[in-house]
Amino acid sequence: MGHGPAVKLGKDNAQAYKSRLGVYLFIVYTLFYAGFIAINSIKPSMMETVIAGQTFAVIYGFALIVVAFIMAIIYNSLCNAAEARLNK
């Protein structure tokens, strides 16, 4: 006693675009995160630098969160536009 899918799924002509975009954004974010790891590994004292009353570690950490959120919004917008354009 279950239910079927909520919507009828068909062919998604934007799938290749969305996959490629997702991989590119993943690579960009991975490089940004790798910078955080590299600084902590190579010169951890740099993270103790105070900027505007906060340590660089806190600023970079919040930047990681904010950038991920912004990238998610960009990904969603671009995917919606691609779906509207390619799945007519």
PDB file of N, CA and C in Angstrom:
ATOM      1  N   MET A   1       0.831  -1.170   0.000  1.00  0.00           N
ATOM      2  CA  MET A   1       0.000   0.000   0.000  1.00  0.00           C
ATOM      3  C   MET A   1       0.884   1.244   0.000  1.00  0.00           C
ATOM      4  N   GLY A   2       1.291   1.656  -1.150  1.00  0.00           N
ATOM      5  CA  GLY A   2       2.123   2.845  -1.269  1.00  0.00           C
ATOM      6  C   GLY A   2       1.557   3.751  -2.335  1.00  0.00           C
ATOM      7  N   HIS A   3       2.328   4.666  -2.715  1.00  0.00           N
ATOM      8  CA  HIS A   3       1.883   5.552  -3.782  1.00  0.00           C
ATOM      9  C   HIS A   3       2.988   5.654  -4.817  1.00  0.00           C
ATOM     10  N   GLY A   4       2.619   6.059  -5.994  1.00  0.00           N
ATOM     11  CA  GLY A   4       3.568   6.202  -7.089  1.00  0.00           C
ATOM     12  C   GLY A   4       4.270   7.541  -7.027  1.00  0.00           C
ATOM     13  N   PRO A   5       5.011   7.838  -8.049  1.00  0.00           N
ATOM     14  CA  PRO A   5       5.718   9.117  -8.075  1.00  0.00           C
ATOM     15  C   PRO A   5       4.742  10.298  -8.082  1.00  0.00           C
ATOM     16  N   ALA A   6       5.149  11.402  -7.516  1.00  0.00           N
ATOM     17  CA  ALA A   6       4.304  12.591  -7.436  1.00  0.00           C
ATOM     18  C   ALA A   6       4.091  13.225  -8.806  1.00  0.00           C
ATOM     19  N   VAL A   7       5.077  13.101  -9.665  1.00  0.00           N
ATOM     20  CA  VAL A   7       4.963  13.670 -11.014  1.00  0.00           C
ATOM     21  C   VAL A   7       5.373  12.619 -12.026  1.00  0.00           C
ATOM     22  N   LYS A   8       4.924  12.815 -13.241  1.00  0.00           N
ATOM     23  CA  LYS A   8       5.311  11.929 -14.324  1.00  0.00           C
ATOM     24  C   LYS A   8       6.660  12.401 -14.860  1.00  0.00           C
ATOM     25  N   LEU A   9       7.647  11.538 -14.818  1.00  0.00           N
ATOM     26  CA  LEU A   9       8.981  11.914 -15.262  1.00  0.00           C
ATOM     27  C   LEU A   9       9.172  11.523 -16.717  1.00  0.00           C
ATOM     28  N   GLY A  10       9.761  12.426 -17.457  1.00  0.00           N
ATOM     29  CA  GLY A  10      10.068  12.170 -18.863  1.00  0.00           C
ATOM     30  C   GLY A  10      11.540  12.385 -19.111  1.00  0.00           C
ATOM     31  N   LYS A  11      11.898  12.484 -20.382  1.00  0.00           N
ATOM     32  CA  LYS A  11      13.293  12.719 -20.753  1.00  0.00           C
ATOM     33  C   LYS A  11      13.668  14.150 -20.380  1.00  0.00           C
ATOM     34  N   ASP A  12      14.828  14.288 -19.760  1.00  0.00           N
ATOM     35  CA  ASP A  12      15.340  15.608 -19.385  1.00  0.00           C
ATOM     36  C   ASP A  12      16.447  15.982 -20.357  1.00  0.00           C
ATOM     37  N   ASN A  13      16.136  16.871 -21.281  1.00  0.00           N
ATOM     38  CA  ASN A  13      17.121  17.280 -22.290  1.00  0.00           C
ATOM     39  C   ASN A  13      18.233  18.142 -21.710  1.00  0.00           C
ATOM     40  N   ALA A  14      18.056  18.641 -20.503  1.00  0.00           N
ATOM     41  CA  ALA A  14      19.060  19.492 -19.862  1.00  0.00           C
ATOM     42  C   ALA A  14      19.977  18.691 -18.937  1.00  0.00           C
ATOM     43  N   GLN A  15      19.832  17.391 -18.902  1.00  0.00           N
ATOM     44  CA  GLN A  15      20.593  16.572 -17.949  1.00  0.00           C
ATOM     45  C   GLN A  15      22.103  16.710 -18.130  1.00  0.00           C
ATOM     46  N   ALA A  16      22.573  16.671 -19.359  1.00  0.00           N
ATOM     47  CA  ALA A  16      24.022  16.776 -19.602  1.00  0.00           C
ATOM     48  C   ALA A  16      24.554  18.130 -19.133  1.00  0.00           C
ATOM     49  N   TYR A  17      23.802  19.190 -19.433  1.00  0.00           N
ATOM     50  CA  TYR A  17      24.204  20.532 -19.010  1.00  0.00           C
ATOM     51  C   TYR A  17      24.263  20.625 -17.492  1.00  0.00           C
ATOM     52  N   LYS A  18      23.237  20.119 -16.822  1.00  0.00           N
ATOM     53  CA  LYS A  18      23.168  20.194 -15.365  1.00  0.00           C
ATOM     54  C   LYS A  18      24.291  19.386 -14.714  1.00  0.00           C
ATOM     55  N   SER A  19      24.592  18.231 -15.278  1.00  0.00           N
ATOM     56  CA  SER A  19      25.687  17.416 -14.736  1.00  0.00           C
ATOM     57  C   SER A  19      27.025  18.121 -14.890  1.00  0.00           C
ATOM     58  N   ARG A  20      27.263  18.666 -16.079  1.00  0.00           N
ATOM     59  CA  ARG A  20      28.525  19.368 -16.336  1.00  0.00           C
ATOM     60  C   ARG A  20      28.653  20.589 -15.429  1.00  0.00           C
ATOM     61  N   LEU A  21      27.578  21.352 -15.286  1.00  0.00           N
ATOM     62  CA  LEU A  21      27.590  22.525 -14.416  1.00  0.00           C
ATOM     63  C   LEU A  21      27.861  22.119 -12.972  1.00  0.00           C
ATOM     64  N   GLY A  22      27.234  21.046 -12.525  1.00  0.00           N
ATOM     65  CA  GLY A  22      27.454  20.558 -11.168  1.00  0.00           C
ATOM     66  C   GLY A  22      28.899  20.168 -10.913  1.00  0.00           C
ATOM     67  N   VAL A  23      29.507  19.528 -11.895  1.00  0.00           N
ATOM     68  CA  VAL A  23      30.914  19.134 -11.758  1.00  0.00           C
ATOM     69  C   VAL A  23      31.806  20.371 -11.697  1.00  0.00           C
ATOM     70  N   TYR A  24      31.544  21.357 -12.562  1.00  0.00           N
ATOM     71  CA  TYR A  24      32.352  22.581 -12.555  1.00  0.00           C
ATOM     72  C   TYR A  24      32.232  23.316 -11.223  1.00  0.00           C
ATOM     73  N   LEU A  25      31.028  23.444 -10.722  1.00  0.00           N
ATOM     74  CA  LEU A  25      30.845  24.140  -9.445  1.00  0.00           C
ATOM     75  C   LEU A  25      31.484  23.353  -8.298  1.00  0.00           C
ATOM     76  N   PHE A  26      31.420  22.030  -8.370  1.00  0.00           N
ATOM     77  CA  PHE A  26      32.064  21.198  -7.357  1.00  0.00           C
ATOM     78  C   PHE A  26      33.575  21.425  -7.362  1.00  0.00           C
ATOM     79  N   ILE A  27      34.167  21.494  -8.546  1.00  0.00           N
ATOM     80  CA  ILE A  27      35.613  21.720  -8.657  1.00  0.00           C
ATOM     81  C   ILE A  27      35.982  23.093  -8.091  1.00  0.00           C
ATOM     82  N   VAL A  28      35.201  24.117  -8.430  1.00  0.00           N
ATOM     83  CA  VAL A  28      35.473  25.468  -7.919  1.00  0.00           C
ATOM     84  C   VAL A  28      35.413  25.479  -6.386  1.00  0.00           C
ATOM     85  N   TYR A  29      34.375  24.872  -5.824  1.00  0.00           N
ATOM     86  CA  TYR A  29      34.239  24.863  -4.369  1.00  0.00           C
ATOM     87  C   TYR A  29      35.340  24.026  -3.715  1.00  0.00           C
ATOM     88  N   THR A  30      35.701  22.914  -4.347  1.00  0.00           N
ATOM     89  CA  THR A  30      36.772  22.070  -3.816  1.00  0.00           C
ATOM     90  C   THR A  30      38.088  22.845  -3.750  1.00  0.00           C
ATOM     91  N   LEU A  31      38.368  23.640  -4.780  1.00  0.00           N
ATOM     92  CA  LEU A  31      39.590  24.452  -4.770  1.00  0.00           C
ATOM     93  C   LEU A  31      39.539  25.512  -3.670  1.00  0.00           C
ATOM     94  N   PHE A  32      38.362  26.111  -3.478  1.00  0.00           N
ATOM     95  CA  PHE A  32      38.196  27.104  -2.413  1.00  0.00           C
ATOM     96  C   PHE A  32      38.410  26.455  -1.045  1.00  0.00           C
ATOM     97  N   TYR A  33      37.850  25.275  -0.858  1.00  0.00           N
ATOM     98  CA  TYR A  33      38.017  24.543   0.401  1.00  0.00           C
ATOM     99  C   TYR A  33      39.466  24.074   0.569  1.00  0.00           C
ATOM    100  N   ALA A  34      40.089  23.660  -0.532  1.00  0.00           N
ATOM    101  CA  ALA A  34      41.488  23.224  -0.479  1.00  0.00           C
ATOM    102  C   ALA A  34      42.389  24.369  -0.024  1.00  0.00           C
ATOM    103  N   GLY A  35      42.027  25.603  -0.393  1.00  0.00           N
ATOM    104  CA  GLY A  35      42.777  26.763   0.081  1.00  0.00           C
ATOM    105  C   GLY A  35      42.723  26.872   1.602  1.00  0.00           C
ATOM    106  N   PHE A  36      41.558  26.626   2.163  1.00  0.00           N
ATOM    107  CA  PHE A  36      41.382  26.647   3.616  1.00  0.00           C
ATOM    108  C   PHE A  36      42.256  25.579   4.271  1.00  0.00           C
ATOM    109  N   ILE A  37      42.234  24.388   3.719  1.00  0.00           N
ATOM    110  CA  ILE A  37      43.031  23.279   4.249  1.00  0.00           C
ATOM    111  C   ILE A  37      44.524  23.573   4.099  1.00  0.00           C
ATOM    112  N   ALA A  38      44.910  24.110   2.940  1.00  0.00           N
ATOM    113  CA  ALA A  38      46.322  24.408   2.686  1.00  0.00           C
ATOM    114  C   ALA A  38      46.846  25.442   3.671  1.00  0.00           C
ATOM    115  N   ILE A  39      46.071  26.487   3.907  1.00  0.00           N
ATOM    116  CA  ILE A  39      46.511  27.509   4.861  1.00  0.00           C
ATOM    117  C   ILE A  39      46.675  26.903   6.248  1.00  0.00           C
ATOM    118  N   ASN A  40      45.721  26.077   6.656  1.00  0.00           N
ATOM    119  CA  ASN A  40      45.810  25.438   7.973  1.00  0.00           C
ATOM    120  C   ASN A  40      46.980  24.473   8.065  1.00  0.00           C
ATOM    121  N   SER A  41      47.362  23.868   6.956  1.00  0.00           N
ATOM    122  CA  SER A  41      48.468  22.901   6.959  1.00  0.00           C
ATOM    123  C   SER A  41      49.832  23.568   6.827  1.00  0.00           C
ATOM    124  N   ILE A  42      49.916  24.559   5.965  1.00  0.00           N
ATOM    125  CA  ILE A  42      51.208  25.165   5.650  1.00  0.00           C
ATOM    126  C   ILE A  42      51.561  26.302   6.606  1.00  0.00           C
ATOM    127  N   LYS A  43      50.596  27.176   6.872  1.00  0.00           N
ATOM    128  CA  LYS A  43      50.867  28.336   7.732  1.00  0.00           C
ATOM    129  C   LYS A  43      49.683  28.579   8.662  1.00  0.00           C
ATOM    130  N   PRO A  44      49.526  27.731   9.672  1.00  0.00           N
ATOM    131  CA  PRO A  44      48.365  27.861  10.565  1.00  0.00           C
ATOM    132  C   PRO A  44      48.325  29.176  11.340  1.00  0.00           C
ATOM    133  N   SER A  45      49.463  29.802  11.521  1.00  0.00           N
ATOM    134  CA  SER A  45      49.474  31.076  12.252  1.00  0.00           C
ATOM    135  C   SER A  45      48.711  32.160  11.491  1.00  0.00           C
ATOM    136  N   MET A  46      48.573  31.997  10.188  1.00  0.00           N
ATOM    137  CA  MET A  46      47.829  32.968   9.384  1.00  0.00           C
ATOM    138  C   MET A  46      46.353  32.998   9.787  1.00  0.00           C
ATOM    139  N   MET A  47      45.845  31.872  10.252  1.00  0.00           N
ATOM    140  CA  MET A  47      44.446  31.790  10.655  1.00  0.00           C
ATOM    141  C   MET A  47      44.170  32.580  11.940  1.00  0.00           C
ATOM    142  N   GLU A  48      45.223  32.921  12.672  1.00  0.00           N
ATOM    143  CA  GLU A  48      45.068  33.683  13.907  1.00  0.00           C
ATOM    144  C   GLU A  48      45.008  35.188  13.659  1.00  0.00           C
ATOM    145  N   THR A  49      45.263  35.605  12.422  1.00  0.00           N
ATOM    146  CA  THR A  49      45.238  37.017  12.074  1.00  0.00           C
ATOM    147  C   THR A  49      43.847  37.592  12.331  1.00  0.00           C
ATOM    148  N   VAL A  50      43.791  38.726  12.989  1.00  0.00           N
ATOM    149  CA  VAL A  50      42.511  39.360  13.296  1.00  0.00           C
ATOM    150  C   VAL A  50      42.185  40.392  12.224  1.00  0.00           C
ATOM    151  N   ILE A  51      40.993  40.243  11.659  1.00  0.00           N
ATOM    152  CA  ILE A  51      40.503  41.168  10.632  1.00  0.00           C
ATOM    153  C   ILE A  51      39.109  41.608  11.062  1.00  0.00           C
ATOM    154  N   ALA A  52      38.924  42.897  11.232  1.00  0.00           N
ATOM    155  CA  ALA A  52      37.622  43.458  11.623  1.00  0.00           C
ATOM    156  C   ALA A  52      37.075  42.792  12.882  1.00  0.00           C
ATOM    157  N   GLY A  53      37.948  42.478  13.812  1.00  0.00           N
ATOM    158  CA  GLY A  53      37.513  41.914  15.083  1.00  0.00           C
ATOM    159  C   GLY A  53      37.309  40.406  15.090  1.00  0.00           C
ATOM    160  N   GLN A  54      37.538  39.740  13.970  1.00  0.00           N
ATOM    161  CA  GLN A  54      37.396  38.281  13.883  1.00  0.00           C
ATOM    162  C   GLN A  54      38.682  37.678  13.338  1.00  0.00           C
ATOM    163  N   THR A  55      38.933  36.443  13.711  1.00  0.00           N
ATOM    164  CA  THR A  55      40.114  35.780  13.167  1.00  0.00           C
ATOM    165  C   THR A  55      39.849  35.405  11.706  1.00  0.00           C
ATOM    166  N   PHE A  56      40.916  35.261  10.968  1.00  0.00           N
ATOM    167  CA  PHE A  56      40.817  34.880   9.557  1.00  0.00           C
ATOM    168  C   PHE A  56      40.153  33.513   9.414  1.00  0.00           C
ATOM    169  N   ALA A  57      40.365  32.629  10.382  1.00  0.00           N
ATOM    170  CA  ALA A  57      39.752  31.302  10.347  1.00  0.00           C
ATOM    171  C   ALA A  57      38.228  31.407  10.375  1.00  0.00           C
ATOM    172  N   VAL A  58      37.698  32.282  11.225  1.00  0.00           N
ATOM    173  CA  VAL A  58      36.246  32.460  11.314  1.00  0.00           C
ATOM    174  C   VAL A  58      35.710  33.078  10.031  1.00  0.00           C
ATOM    175  N   ILE A  59      36.401  34.075   9.516  1.00  0.00           N
ATOM    176  CA  ILE A  59      35.962  34.733   8.281  1.00  0.00           C
ATOM    177  C   ILE A  59      35.970  33.746   7.118  1.00  0.00           C
ATOM    178  N   TYR A  60      37.045  32.983   6.977  1.00  0.00           N
ATOM    179  CA  TYR A  60      37.146  32.007   5.888  1.00  0.00           C
ATOM    180  C   TYR A  60      36.086  30.915   6.070  1.00  0.00           C
ATOM    181  N   GLY A  61      35.863  30.486   7.302  1.00  0.00           N
ATOM    182  CA  GLY A  61      34.857  29.462   7.561  1.00  0.00           C
ATOM    183  C   GLY A  61      33.459  29.915   7.178  1.00  0.00           C
ATOM    184  N   PHE A  62      33.103  31.137   7.562  1.00  0.00           N
ATOM    185  CA  PHE A  62      31.803  31.667   7.160  1.00  0.00           C
ATOM    186  C   PHE A  62      31.745  31.869   5.651  1.00  0.00           C
ATOM    187  N   ALA A  63      32.858  32.276   5.048  1.00  0.00           N
ATOM    188  CA  ALA A  63      32.894  32.433   3.593  1.00  0.00           C
ATOM    189  C   ALA A  63      32.629  31.099   2.898  1.00  0.00           C
ATOM    190  N   LEU A  64      33.145  30.017   3.445  1.00  0.00           N
ATOM    191  CA  LEU A  64      32.874  28.695   2.876  1.00  0.00           C
ATOM    192  C   LEU A  64      31.376  28.404   2.873  1.00  0.00           C
ATOM    193  N   ILE A  65      30.709  28.740   3.950  1.00  0.00           N
ATOM    194  CA  ILE A  65      29.266  28.503   4.048  1.00  0.00           C
ATOM    195  C   ILE A  65      28.501  29.405   3.084  1.00  0.00           C
ATOM    196  N   VAL A  66      28.842  30.685   3.065  1.00  0.00           N
ATOM    197  CA  VAL A  66      28.145  31.641   2.208  1.00  0.00           C
ATOM    198  C   VAL A  66      28.363  31.324   0.736  1.00  0.00           C
ATOM    199  N   VAL A  67      29.584  30.995   0.367  1.00  0.00           N
ATOM    200  CA  VAL A  67      29.879  30.659  -1.031  1.00  0.00           C
ATOM    201  C   VAL A  67      29.108  29.411  -1.459  1.00  0.00           C
ATOM    202  N   ALA A  68      29.015  28.419  -0.589  1.00  0.00           N
ATOM    203  CA  ALA A  68      28.240  27.216  -0.920  1.00  0.00           C
ATOM    204  C   ALA A  68      26.786  27.572  -1.163  1.00  0.00           C
ATOM    205  N   PHE A  69      26.225  28.431  -0.336  1.00  0.00           N
ATOM    206  CA  PHE A  69      24.832  28.847  -0.503  1.00  0.00           C
ATOM    207  C   PHE A  69      24.643  29.620  -1.805  1.00  0.00           C
ATOM    208  N   ILE A  70      25.536  30.549  -2.095  1.00  0.00           N
ATOM    209  CA  ILE A  70      25.454  31.336  -3.335  1.00  0.00           C
ATOM    210  C   ILE A  70      25.590  30.428  -4.554  1.00  0.00           C
ATOM    211  N   MET A  71      26.514  29.482  -4.484  1.00  0.00           N
ATOM    212  CA  MET A  71      26.690  28.558  -5.603  1.00  0.00           C
ATOM    213  C   MET A  71      25.444  27.690  -5.809  1.00  0.00           C
ATOM    214  N   ALA A  72      24.773  27.325  -4.729  1.00  0.00           N
ATOM    215  CA  ALA A  72      23.539  26.552  -4.845  1.00  0.00           C
ATOM    216  C   ALA A  72      22.451  27.364  -5.539  1.00  0.00           C
ATOM    217  N   ILE A  73      22.355  28.636  -5.205  1.00  0.00           N
ATOM    218  CA  ILE A  73      21.370  29.506  -5.845  1.00  0.00           C
ATOM    219  C   ILE A  73      21.691  29.669  -7.329  1.00  0.00           C
ATOM    220  N   ILE A  74      22.964  29.868  -7.650  1.00  0.00           N
ATOM    221  CA  ILE A  74      23.384  29.994  -9.050  1.00  0.00           C
ATOM    222  C   ILE A  74      23.081  28.710  -9.809  1.00  0.00           C
ATOM    223  N   TYR A  75      23.413  27.570  -9.211  1.00  0.00           N
ATOM    224  CA  TYR A  75      23.156  26.275  -9.851  1.00  0.00           C
ATOM    225  C   TYR A  75      21.663  26.097 -10.126  1.00  0.00           C
ATOM    226  N   ASN A  76      20.844  26.397  -9.139  1.00  0.00           N
ATOM    227  CA  ASN A  76      19.399  26.250  -9.305  1.00  0.00           C
ATOM    228  C   ASN A  76      18.872  27.166 -10.410  1.00  0.00           C
ATOM    229  N   SER A  77      19.314  28.401 -10.428  1.00  0.00           N
ATOM    230  CA  SER A  77      18.860  29.350 -11.438  1.00  0.00           C
ATOM    231  C   SER A  77      19.259  28.915 -12.842  1.00  0.00           C
ATOM    232  N   LEU A  78      20.519  28.523 -12.988  1.00  0.00           N
ATOM    233  CA  LEU A  78      20.998  28.107 -14.309  1.00  0.00           C
ATOM    234  C   LEU A  78      20.322  26.818 -14.770  1.00  0.00           C
ATOM    235  N   CYS A  79      20.082  25.895 -13.848  1.00  0.00           N
ATOM    236  CA  CYS A  79      19.411  24.640 -14.209  1.00  0.00           C
ATOM    237  C   CYS A  79      17.958  24.882 -14.595  1.00  0.00           C
ATOM    238  N   ASN A  80      17.275  25.747 -13.860  1.00  0.00           N
ATOM    239  CA  ASN A  80      15.891  26.067 -14.214  1.00  0.00           C
ATOM    240  C   ASN A  80      15.812  26.716 -15.591  1.00  0.00           C
ATOM    241  N   ALA A  81      16.741  27.614 -15.881  1.00  0.00           N
ATOM    242  CA  ALA A  81      16.755  28.268 -17.190  1.00  0.00           C
ATOM    243  C   ALA A  81      17.042  27.254 -18.298  1.00  0.00           C
ATOM    244  N   ALA A  82      17.973  26.337 -18.050  1.00  0.00           N
ATOM    245  CA  ALA A  82      18.305  25.316 -19.044  1.00  0.00           C
ATOM    246  C   ALA A  82      17.126  24.371 -19.271  1.00  0.00           C
ATOM    247  N   GLU A  83      16.432  24.000 -18.208  1.00  0.00           N
ATOM    248  CA  GLU A  83      15.265  23.125 -18.347  1.00  0.00           C
ATOM    249  C   GLU A  83      14.172  23.809 -19.142  1.00  0.00           C
ATOM    250  N   ALA A  84      13.939  25.088 -18.867  1.00  0.00           N
ATOM    251  CA  ALA A  84      12.904  25.831 -19.598  1.00  0.00           C
ATOM    252  C   ALA A  84      13.268  25.954 -21.066  1.00  0.00           C
ATOM    253  N   ARG A  85      14.556  26.139 -21.350  1.00  0.00           N
ATOM    254  CA  ARG A  85      15.006  26.312 -22.723  1.00  0.00           C
ATOM    255  C   ARG A  85      15.039  25.007 -23.501  1.00  0.00           C
ATOM    256  N   LEU A  86      15.487  23.915 -22.859  1.00  0.00           N
ATOM    257  CA  LEU A  86      15.726  22.661 -23.574  1.00  0.00           C
ATOM    258  C   LEU A  86      14.583  21.653 -23.481  1.00  0.00           C
ATOM    259  N   ASN A  87      13.698  21.789 -22.513  1.00  0.00           N
ATOM    260  CA  ASN A  87      12.619  20.812 -22.347  1.00  0.00           C
ATOM    261  C   ASN A  87      11.272  21.371 -22.796  1.00  0.00           C
ATOM    262  N   LYS A  88      11.246  22.043 -23.910  1.00  0.00           N
ATOM    263  CA  LYS A  88       9.992  22.614 -24.414  1.00  0.00           C
ATOM    264  C   LYS A  88       9.119  21.538 -25.003  1.00  0.00           C
TER     265      LYS A  88
END
